[in-house]
Amino acid sequence: KPRTQASLAVSADGERWLLLNASPDFRQQVAATPMLWPQEGLRHSPISAVILTSGEIDHVAGLLSMRESQPFALWAAPPVLAALAANPIFDALSPRSVERHAVAPNGPFPIAGRGGGLGLTITAFPVPGKVPLYLEGQAGDDLNGAPDETLGLEIAANGRRFHYIPGCAAMTPQLRARLQGSPLVFFDGTLWRDDELITTGVGAKTGRRMGHMSIDGPDGTIAAFADLGARRRILIHVNTTNPVLDEDSPERAALAESGWEVAEDGMEIAL
């Protein structure tokens, strides 16, 4: 099935929406989602806010497809806001229209869009990751970046919650504690095996080098979640080389046997 890049739209009331990352496929995704079309005139947008989990191109490029004078609130960790501020192309997001807010990890906060709260509470927390590819030349030998370079999110509303972690390099004890018993987790599904890009001949980097856990193996995602009690588990941010995209593959069968799903365009989930 065709899949665009990792981005979710979330709403507590079905009218005002929070975008989790702004995918390069933003225009295509909005065009396919009537709930995100203008509802009150040509210049209206139901998207009130955007929150970024990292500064990767996969997560920020879609900001440039939003109207230059479209009001919304942009939330991100300080390193990500700094990367956007350092690149003048993102000045197209006029500060008169786009409010930029720093996200402080580990403390829940009610997220607001332009015009007020959205009824959503966000808890952002650091997860193992790396600096964006385009900033590696400035990072020296340490590609991990600042502690809040890569974030996971818990989104809560009306007594219900879920987790969104589209990029993660390793499972830590702190992350295990956060995800224990989660009703729903969207989790980094980039690669089936760490050397997948190398063995398929499309790249020279391992998954660890790119800041991603693998799904398979003793240190992989399936094993890491086996005893966490997360009720629904969905892989997101799946690379085109990953065999789980083939519904007839043995890897997809093994994934389904372990209780995992693969995200696809047009999924709608109500908690």
C-alpha atoms as a PDB file:
ATOM      1  CA  LYS A   1       0.000   0.000   0.000  1.00  0.00           C
ATOM      2  CA  PRO A   2       1.275   3.495  -0.745  1.00  0.00           C
ATOM      3  CA  ARG A   3       2.516   5.343   2.329  1.00  0.00           C
ATOM      4  CA  THR A   4       3.615   8.931   2.812  1.00  0.00           C
ATOM      5  CA  GLN A   5       5.998  10.035   5.540  1.00  0.00           C
ATOM      6  CA  ALA A   6       5.400   9.987   9.288  1.00  0.00           C
ATOM      7  CA  SER A   7       2.896  12.616  10.392  1.00  0.00           C
ATOM      8  CA  LEU A   8      -0.281  12.438  12.467  1.00  0.00           C
ATOM      9  CA  ALA A   9      -3.147  14.854  13.038  1.00  0.00           C
ATOM     10  CA  VAL A  10      -4.764  14.752  16.489  1.00  0.00           C
ATOM     11  CA  SER A  11      -7.884  16.441  17.829  1.00  0.00           C
ATOM     12  CA  ALA A  12      -9.845  16.434  21.071  1.00  0.00           C
ATOM     13  CA  ASP A  13     -12.969  17.958  19.512  1.00  0.00           C
ATOM     14  CA  GLY A  14     -12.788  17.112  15.781  1.00  0.00           C
ATOM     15  CA  GLU A  15     -12.524  20.794  14.898  1.00  0.00           C
ATOM     16  CA  ARG A  16      -9.109  22.065  16.012  1.00  0.00           C
ATOM     17  CA  TRP A  17      -6.156  19.879  15.078  1.00  0.00           C
ATOM     18  CA  LEU A  18      -2.576  19.406  16.250  1.00  0.00           C
ATOM     19  CA  LEU A  19      -0.084  18.155  13.661  1.00  0.00           C
ATOM     20  CA  LEU A  20       2.597  15.794  14.987  1.00  0.00           C
ATOM     21  CA  ASN A  21       5.533  16.638  12.694  1.00  0.00           C
ATOM     22  CA  ALA A  22       5.187  18.340   9.335  1.00  0.00           C
ATOM     23  CA  SER A  23       6.002  15.770   6.678  1.00  0.00           C
ATOM     24  CA  PRO A  24       7.403  16.659   3.227  1.00  0.00           C
ATOM     25  CA  ASP A  25       4.154  15.050   2.012  1.00  0.00           C
ATOM     26  CA  PHE A  26       2.058  17.609   3.916  1.00  0.00           C
ATOM     27  CA  ARG A  27       0.154  18.914   0.888  1.00  0.00           C
ATOM     28  CA  GLN A  28      -0.747  15.415  -0.305  1.00  0.00           C
ATOM     29  CA  GLN A  29      -1.811  14.354   3.179  1.00  0.00           C
ATOM     30  CA  VAL A  30      -4.059  17.389   3.703  1.00  0.00           C
ATOM     31  CA  ALA A  31      -5.594  17.013   0.253  1.00  0.00           C
ATOM     32  CA  ALA A  32      -6.587  13.450   1.197  1.00  0.00           C
ATOM     33  CA  THR A  33      -8.059  14.434   4.597  1.00  0.00           C
ATOM     34  CA  PRO A  34     -11.317  16.439   4.382  1.00  0.00           C
ATOM     35  CA  MET A  35     -11.274  17.125   8.135  1.00  0.00           C
ATOM     36  CA  LEU A  36      -8.195  19.310   7.537  1.00  0.00           C
ATOM     37  CA  TRP A  37      -9.744  21.336   4.707  1.00  0.00           C
ATOM     38  CA  PRO A  38     -10.928  24.933   5.256  1.00  0.00           C
ATOM     39  CA  GLN A  39     -14.207  24.907   7.153  1.00  0.00           C
ATOM     40  CA  GLU A  40     -14.894  28.634   7.523  1.00  0.00           C
ATOM     41  CA  GLY A  41     -13.845  30.293   4.276  1.00  0.00           C
ATOM     42  CA  LEU A  42     -10.953  29.951   1.860  1.00  0.00           C
ATOM     43  CA  ARG A  43      -8.184  31.029   4.231  1.00  0.00           C
ATOM     44  CA  HIS A  44      -9.267  29.001   7.239  1.00  0.00           C
ATOM     45  CA  SER A  45      -7.296  25.968   8.399  1.00  0.00           C
ATOM     46  CA  PRO A  46      -8.359  23.524  11.130  1.00  0.00           C
ATOM     47  CA  ILE A  47      -4.628  22.986  11.894  1.00  0.00           C
ATOM     48  CA  SER A  48      -4.076  25.166  14.952  1.00  0.00           C
ATOM     49  CA  ALA A  49      -0.646  23.927  16.020  1.00  0.00           C
ATOM     50  CA  VAL A  50       2.330  21.807  14.991  1.00  0.00           C
ATOM     51  CA  ILE A  51       4.721  20.030  17.356  1.00  0.00           C
ATOM     52  CA  LEU A  52       8.052  18.653  16.132  1.00  0.00           C
ATOM     53  CA  THR A  53       9.802  15.633  17.645  1.00  0.00           C
ATOM     54  CA  SER A  54      13.120  16.408  15.916  1.00  0.00           C
ATOM     55  CA  GLY A  55      14.680  18.622  13.279  1.00  0.00           C
ATOM     56  CA  GLU A  56      14.939  15.873  10.661  1.00  0.00           C
ATOM     57  CA  ILE A  57      13.846  16.823   7.143  1.00  0.00           C
ATOM     58  CA  ASP A  58      11.134  14.152   7.433  1.00  0.00           C
ATOM     59  CA  HIS A  59       9.614  16.208  10.238  1.00  0.00           C
ATOM     60  CA  VAL A  60      10.116  19.866   9.259  1.00  0.00           C
ATOM     61  CA  ALA A  61       9.952  20.147   5.454  1.00  0.00           C
ATOM     62  CA  GLY A  62       6.157  20.272   5.422  1.00  0.00           C
ATOM     63  CA  LEU A  63       6.236  23.569   7.299  1.00  0.00           C
ATOM     64  CA  LEU A  64       7.198  25.212   4.013  1.00  0.00           C
ATOM     65  CA  SER A  65       3.998  23.941   2.391  1.00  0.00           C
ATOM     66  CA  MET A  66       1.810  25.706   4.929  1.00  0.00           C
ATOM     67  CA  ARG A  67       0.655  29.162   3.837  1.00  0.00           C
ATOM     68  CA  GLU A  68       3.194  31.856   4.662  1.00  0.00           C
ATOM     69  CA  SER A  69       0.592  33.906   6.516  1.00  0.00           C
ATOM     70  CA  GLN A  70      -1.405  30.998   7.912  1.00  0.00           C
ATOM     71  CA  PRO A  71      -1.704  31.462  11.697  1.00  0.00           C
ATOM     72  CA  PHE A  72      -0.646  28.480  13.791  1.00  0.00           C
ATOM     73  CA  ALA A  73       1.534  27.765  16.818  1.00  0.00           C
ATOM     74  CA  LEU A  74       4.819  25.895  16.319  1.00  0.00           C
ATOM     75  CA  TRP A  75       6.178  23.879  19.241  1.00  0.00           C
ATOM     76  CA  ALA A  76       9.627  22.246  19.364  1.00  0.00           C
ATOM     77  CA  ALA A  77      12.630  21.651  21.612  1.00  0.00           C
ATOM     78  CA  PRO A  78      15.195  24.474  21.731  1.00  0.00           C
ATOM     79  CA  PRO A  79      17.764  22.705  19.462  1.00  0.00           C
ATOM     80  CA  VAL A  80      15.097  22.290  16.766  1.00  0.00           C
ATOM     81  CA  LEU A  81      13.918  25.890  17.066  1.00  0.00           C
ATOM     82  CA  ALA A  82      17.561  26.977  16.781  1.00  0.00           C
ATOM     83  CA  ALA A  83      18.046  24.920  13.610  1.00  0.00           C
ATOM     84  CA  LEU A  84      14.951  26.488  12.050  1.00  0.00           C
ATOM     85  CA  ALA A  85      16.051  29.983  13.098  1.00  0.00           C
ATOM     86  CA  ALA A  86      19.486  29.439  11.540  1.00  0.00           C
ATOM     87  CA  ASN A  87      17.986  28.584   8.144  1.00  0.00           C
ATOM     88  CA  PRO A  88      16.512  31.697   6.506  1.00  0.00           C
ATOM     89  CA  ILE A  89      14.147  29.671   4.311  1.00  0.00           C
ATOM     90  CA  PHE A  90      12.004  29.083   7.416  1.00  0.00           C
ATOM     91  CA  ASP A  91      11.617  32.845   7.792  1.00  0.00           C
ATOM     92  CA  ALA A  92       8.805  32.279   5.287  1.00  0.00           C
ATOM     93  CA  LEU A  93       6.807  31.317   8.390  1.00  0.00           C
ATOM     94  CA  SER A  94       6.070  34.901   9.308  1.00  0.00           C
ATOM     95  CA  PRO A  95       6.514  35.578  13.047  1.00  0.00           C
ATOM     96  CA  ARG A  96       3.388  37.729  12.813  1.00  0.00           C
ATOM     97  CA  SER A  97       1.410  34.584  12.029  1.00  0.00           C
ATOM     98  CA  VAL A  98       3.423  31.666  13.411  1.00  0.00           C
ATOM     99  CA  GLU A  99       4.146  31.702  17.140  1.00  0.00           C
ATOM    100  CA  ARG A 100       7.192  29.617  18.089  1.00  0.00           C
ATOM    101  CA  HIS A 101       7.229  27.973  21.516  1.00  0.00           C
ATOM    102  CA  ALA A 102       9.985  25.986  23.234  1.00  0.00           C
ATOM    103  CA  VAL A 103       9.025  22.546  24.534  1.00  0.00           C
ATOM    104  CA  ALA A 104      10.379  21.584  27.945  1.00  0.00           C
ATOM    105  CA  PRO A 105      10.784  17.795  28.264  1.00  0.00           C
ATOM    106  CA  ASN A 106       9.210  15.739  31.053  1.00  0.00           C
ATOM    107  CA  GLY A 107       6.587  18.222  32.254  1.00  0.00           C
ATOM    108  CA  PRO A 108       2.985  17.874  31.022  1.00  0.00           C
ATOM    109  CA  PHE A 109       1.577  21.057  29.551  1.00  0.00           C
ATOM    110  CA  PRO A 110      -1.677  22.030  27.820  1.00  0.00           C
ATOM    111  CA  ILE A 111      -0.757  22.740  24.230  1.00  0.00           C
ATOM    112  CA  ALA A 112      -2.255  25.834  22.643  1.00  0.00           C
ATOM    113  CA  GLY A 113      -2.810  26.856  19.070  1.00  0.00           C
ATOM    114  CA  ARG A 114      -3.529  30.276  17.647  1.00  0.00           C
ATOM    115  CA  GLY A 115      -6.597  31.439  19.484  1.00  0.00           C
ATOM    116  CA  GLY A 116      -6.434  29.245  22.570  1.00  0.00           C
ATOM    117  CA  GLY A 117      -6.108  25.765  23.971  1.00  0.00           C
ATOM    118  CA  LEU A 118      -6.820  22.597  22.030  1.00  0.00           C
ATOM    119  CA  GLY A 119      -7.958  20.423  24.914  1.00  0.00           C
ATOM    120  CA  LEU A 120      -4.805  18.322  24.567  1.00  0.00           C
ATOM    121  CA  THR A 121      -2.104  17.796  27.180  1.00  0.00           C
ATOM    122  CA  ILE A 122       1.401  16.973  25.974  1.00  0.00           C
ATOM    123  CA  THR A 123       4.257  15.326  27.818  1.00  0.00           C
ATOM    124  CA  ALA A 124       7.470  15.460  25.785  1.00  0.00           C
ATOM    125  CA  PHE A 125      10.375  13.256  26.826  1.00  0.00           C
ATOM    126  CA  PRO A 126      13.887  12.687  25.413  1.00  0.00           C
ATOM    127  CA  VAL A 127      14.596   9.435  23.589  1.00  0.00           C
ATOM    128  CA  PRO A 128      17.926   8.217  22.175  1.00  0.00           C
ATOM    129  CA  GLY A 129      18.456   9.643  18.708  1.00  0.00           C
ATOM    130  CA  LYS A 130      20.854  11.793  16.699  1.00  0.00           C
ATOM    131  CA  VAL A 131      21.269  15.205  15.184  1.00  0.00           C
ATOM    132  CA  PRO A 132      19.587  15.759  11.806  1.00  0.00           C
ATOM    133  CA  LEU A 133      21.585  14.577   8.805  1.00  0.00           C
ATOM    134  CA  TYR A 134      22.090  18.127   7.511  1.00  0.00           C
ATOM    135  CA  LEU A 135      23.688  19.140  10.841  1.00  0.00           C
ATOM    136  CA  GLU A 136      26.095  16.211  11.160  1.00  0.00           C
ATOM    137  CA  GLY A 137      28.969  18.303   9.772  1.00  0.00           C
ATOM    138  CA  GLN A 138      28.609  20.702  12.709  1.00  0.00           C
ATOM    139  CA  ALA A 139      28.285  18.002  15.368  1.00  0.00           C
ATOM    140  CA  GLY A 140      31.859  16.688  15.345  1.00  0.00           C
ATOM    141  CA  ASP A 141      32.291  13.189  16.742  1.00  0.00           C
ATOM    142  CA  ASP A 142      29.140  13.299  18.875  1.00  0.00           C
ATOM    143  CA  LEU A 143      26.122  12.739  16.646  1.00  0.00           C
ATOM    144  CA  ASN A 144      23.733  12.167  19.552  1.00  0.00           C
ATOM    145  CA  GLY A 145      23.172  15.886  19.974  1.00  0.00           C
ATOM    146  CA  ALA A 146      21.536  17.540  22.962  1.00  0.00           C
ATOM    147  CA  PRO A 147      19.394  15.451  25.351  1.00  0.00           C
ATOM    148  CA  ASP A 148      16.254  16.928  23.793  1.00  0.00           C
ATOM    149  CA  GLU A 149      17.449  16.565  20.178  1.00  0.00           C
ATOM    150  CA  THR A 150      14.920  13.737  19.674  1.00  0.00           C
ATOM    151  CA  LEU A 151      11.644  13.619  21.582  1.00  0.00           C
ATOM    152  CA  GLY A 152       8.826  11.200  22.156  1.00  0.00           C
ATOM    153  CA  LEU A 153       5.348  12.464  22.975  1.00  0.00           C
ATOM    154  CA  GLU A 154       2.487  11.397  25.199  1.00  0.00           C
ATOM    155  CA  ILE A 155      -0.749  13.010  24.047  1.00  0.00           C
ATOM    156  CA  ALA A 156      -3.695  13.005  26.452  1.00  0.00           C
ATOM    157  CA  ALA A 157      -7.280  14.279  26.344  1.00  0.00           C
ATOM    158  CA  ASN A 158     -10.516  13.424  28.128  1.00  0.00           C
ATOM    159  CA  GLY A 159      -8.794  10.859  30.336  1.00  0.00           C
ATOM    160  CA  ARG A 160      -7.253   8.971  27.413  1.00  0.00           C
ATOM    161  CA  ARG A 161      -3.696   8.904  26.093  1.00  0.00           C
ATOM    162  CA  PHE A 162      -1.301   7.509  23.506  1.00  0.00           C
ATOM    163  CA  HIS A 163       2.399   7.681  22.658  1.00  0.00           C
ATOM    164  CA  TYR A 164       4.107   8.841  19.456  1.00  0.00           C
ATOM    165  CA  ILE A 165       7.801   8.010  18.957  1.00  0.00           C
ATOM    166  CA  PRO A 166       8.702   8.097  15.237  1.00  0.00           C
ATOM    167  CA  GLY A 167      12.455   8.067  15.850  1.00  0.00           C
ATOM    168  CA  CYS A 168      14.278   6.075  18.542  1.00  0.00           C
ATOM    169  CA  ALA A 169      17.790   4.617  18.626  1.00  0.00           C
ATOM    170  CA  ALA A 170      17.430   2.340  21.670  1.00  0.00           C
ATOM    171  CA  MET A 171      15.078   1.213  24.409  1.00  0.00           C
ATOM    172  CA  THR A 172      16.131   2.635  27.773  1.00  0.00           C
ATOM    173  CA  PRO A 173      14.848   1.847  31.283  1.00  0.00           C
ATOM    174  CA  GLN A 174      13.262   5.304  31.426  1.00  0.00           C
ATOM    175  CA  LEU A 175      11.443   4.752  28.134  1.00  0.00           C
ATOM    176  CA  ARG A 176      10.300   1.298  29.226  1.00  0.00           C
ATOM    177  CA  ALA A 177       8.757   2.816  32.347  1.00  0.00           C
ATOM    178  CA  ARG A 178       6.891   5.441  30.307  1.00  0.00           C
ATOM    179  CA  LEU A 179       5.457   2.956  27.823  1.00  0.00           C
ATOM    180  CA  GLN A 180       4.416   0.299  30.341  1.00  0.00           C
ATOM    181  CA  GLY A 181       0.727  -0.433  29.793  1.00  0.00           C
ATOM    182  CA  SER A 182       0.235   2.261  27.151  1.00  0.00           C
ATOM    183  CA  PRO A 183      -3.144   1.994  25.388  1.00  0.00           C
ATOM    184  CA  LEU A 184      -1.560   2.877  22.022  1.00  0.00           C
ATOM    185  CA  VAL A 185       2.007   3.382  20.801  1.00  0.00           C
ATOM    186  CA  PHE A 186       3.179   4.612  17.412  1.00  0.00           C
ATOM    187  CA  PHE A 187       6.836   3.566  17.273  1.00  0.00           C
ATOM    188  CA  ASP A 188       9.838   3.894  14.963  1.00  0.00           C
ATOM    189  CA  GLY A 189       9.648   1.085  12.380  1.00  0.00           C
ATOM    190  CA  THR A 190      12.368   2.299  10.018  1.00  0.00           C
ATOM    191  CA  LEU A 191      14.285  -0.958   9.467  1.00  0.00           C
ATOM    192  CA  TRP A 192      13.696  -4.670   9.990  1.00  0.00           C
ATOM    193  CA  ARG A 193      17.433  -5.339  10.385  1.00  0.00           C
ATOM    194  CA  ASP A 194      20.282  -3.050  11.367  1.00  0.00           C
ATOM    195  CA  ASP A 195      22.241  -3.747   8.155  1.00  0.00           C
ATOM    196  CA  GLU A 196      19.205  -3.552   5.867  1.00  0.00           C
ATOM    197  CA  LEU A 197      20.388  -0.628   3.760  1.00  0.00           C
ATOM    198  CA  ILE A 198      23.755  -2.311   3.231  1.00  0.00           C
ATOM    199  CA  THR A 199      22.411  -5.745   2.291  1.00  0.00           C
ATOM    200  CA  THR A 200      19.828  -4.284  -0.095  1.00  0.00           C
ATOM    201  CA  GLY A 201      22.511  -2.177  -1.768  1.00  0.00           C
ATOM    202  CA  VAL A 202      20.792   1.175  -1.274  1.00  0.00           C
ATOM    203  CA  GLY A 203      23.068   2.679   1.369  1.00  0.00           C
ATOM    204  CA  ALA A 204      26.185   2.316   3.479  1.00  0.00           C
ATOM    205  CA  LYS A 205      24.790   3.169   6.938  1.00  0.00           C
ATOM    206  CA  THR A 206      23.426   0.905   9.628  1.00  0.00           C
ATOM    207  CA  GLY A 207      20.215   1.680  11.443  1.00  0.00           C
ATOM    208  CA  ARG A 208      22.132   2.539  14.615  1.00  0.00           C
ATOM    209  CA  ARG A 209      24.250   5.011  12.645  1.00  0.00           C
ATOM    210  CA  MET A 210      21.038   6.710  11.496  1.00  0.00           C
ATOM    211  CA  GLY A 211      19.549   6.790  15.015  1.00  0.00           C
ATOM    212  CA  HIS A 212      16.975   4.017  14.620  1.00  0.00           C
ATOM    213  CA  MET A 213      16.289   0.744  16.402  1.00  0.00           C
ATOM    214  CA  SER A 214      15.695  -2.322  14.275  1.00  0.00           C
ATOM    215  CA  ILE A 215      12.469  -4.278  14.563  1.00  0.00           C
ATOM    216  CA  ASP A 216      14.034  -7.765  14.612  1.00  0.00           C
ATOM    217  CA  GLY A 217      16.755  -9.241  16.803  1.00  0.00           C
ATOM    218  CA  PRO A 218      17.418  -9.597  20.532  1.00  0.00           C
ATOM    219  CA  ASP A 219      17.761  -5.819  20.949  1.00  0.00           C
ATOM    220  CA  GLY A 220      14.985  -5.003  18.495  1.00  0.00           C
ATOM    221  CA  THR A 221      11.574  -3.455  18.915  1.00  0.00           C
ATOM    222  CA  ILE A 222       9.567  -6.689  19.025  1.00  0.00           C
ATOM    223  CA  ALA A 223      11.741  -8.038  21.849  1.00  0.00           C
ATOM    224  CA  ALA A 224      11.803  -4.710  23.690  1.00  0.00           C
ATOM    225  CA  PHE A 225       7.993  -4.463  23.784  1.00  0.00           C
ATOM    226  CA  ALA A 226       7.317  -8.128  24.559  1.00  0.00           C
ATOM    227  CA  ASP A 227       6.695  -7.541  28.269  1.00  0.00           C
ATOM    228  CA  LEU A 228       5.577  -3.898  28.289  1.00  0.00           C
ATOM    229  CA  GLY A 229       1.850  -4.593  28.138  1.00  0.00           C
ATOM    230  CA  ALA A 230       1.196  -1.923  25.480  1.00  0.00           C
ATOM    231  CA  ARG A 231      -2.279  -2.780  24.221  1.00  0.00           C
ATOM    232  CA  ARG A 232      -1.989  -1.543  20.630  1.00  0.00           C
ATOM    233  CA  ARG A 233       1.364  -1.160  18.850  1.00  0.00           C
ATOM    234  CA  ILE A 234       1.737   0.438  15.427  1.00  0.00           C
ATOM    235  CA  LEU A 235       4.958   0.880  13.452  1.00  0.00           C
ATOM    236  CA  ILE A 236       5.406   4.262  11.814  1.00  0.00           C
ATOM    237  CA  HIS A 237       8.232   5.913   9.806  1.00  0.00           C
ATOM    238  CA  VAL A 238       8.834   2.648   7.883  1.00  0.00           C
ATOM    239  CA  ASN A 239      11.616   2.774   5.282  1.00  0.00           C
ATOM    240  CA  THR A 240      10.925   1.620   1.719  1.00  0.00           C
ATOM    241  CA  THR A 241      13.485  -1.197   2.126  1.00  0.00           C
ATOM    242  CA  ASN A 242      11.621  -2.708   5.082  1.00  0.00           C
ATOM    243  CA  PRO A 243      10.068  -6.081   4.159  1.00  0.00           C
ATOM    244  CA  VAL A 244       7.144  -5.585   6.560  1.00  0.00           C
ATOM    245  CA  LEU A 245       5.605  -3.333   3.889  1.00  0.00           C
ATOM    246  CA  ASP A 246       5.016  -6.495   1.815  1.00  0.00           C
ATOM    247  CA  GLU A 247       1.888  -8.031   3.313  1.00  0.00           C
ATOM    248  CA  ASP A 248       2.856 -11.472   1.980  1.00  0.00           C
ATOM    249  CA  SER A 249       6.384 -11.472   3.451  1.00  0.00           C
ATOM    250  CA  PRO A 250       7.466 -13.767   6.299  1.00  0.00           C
ATOM    251  CA  GLU A 251       8.610 -10.657   8.177  1.00  0.00           C
ATOM    252  CA  ARG A 252       5.083  -9.218   8.035  1.00  0.00           C
ATOM    253  CA  ALA A 253       3.692 -12.523   9.288  1.00  0.00           C
ATOM    254  CA  ALA A 254       6.163 -12.548  12.184  1.00  0.00           C
ATOM    255  CA  LEU A 255       5.264  -8.958  12.979  1.00  0.00           C
ATOM    256  CA  ALA A 256       1.531  -9.708  13.058  1.00  0.00           C
ATOM    257  CA  GLU A 257       2.147 -12.782  15.214  1.00  0.00           C
ATOM    258  CA  SER A 258       3.848 -10.548  17.772  1.00  0.00           C
ATOM    259  CA  GLY A 259       0.847  -8.212  17.853  1.00  0.00           C
ATOM    260  CA  TRP A 260       2.178  -5.309  15.796  1.00  0.00           C
ATOM    261  CA  GLU A 261       0.475  -3.329  13.019  1.00  0.00           C
ATOM    262  CA  VAL A 262       1.971  -1.192  10.253  1.00  0.00           C
ATOM    263  CA  ALA A 263       0.661   2.344   9.843  1.00  0.00           C
ATOM    264  CA  GLU A 264      -0.831   3.302   6.503  1.00  0.00           C
ATOM    265  CA  ASP A 265      -2.259   6.459   4.979  1.00  0.00           C
ATOM    266  CA  GLY A 266      -5.839   7.171   5.950  1.00  0.00           C
ATOM    267  CA  MET A 267      -5.816   5.336   9.294  1.00  0.00           C
ATOM    268  CA  GLU A 268      -8.299   6.831  11.751  1.00  0.00           C
ATOM    269  CA  ILE A 269      -8.135   5.878  15.421  1.00  0.00           C
ATOM    270  CA  ALA A 270     -10.551   7.018  18.131  1.00  0.00           C
ATOM    271  CA  LEU A 271      -9.542   6.509  21.771  1.00  0.00           C
END
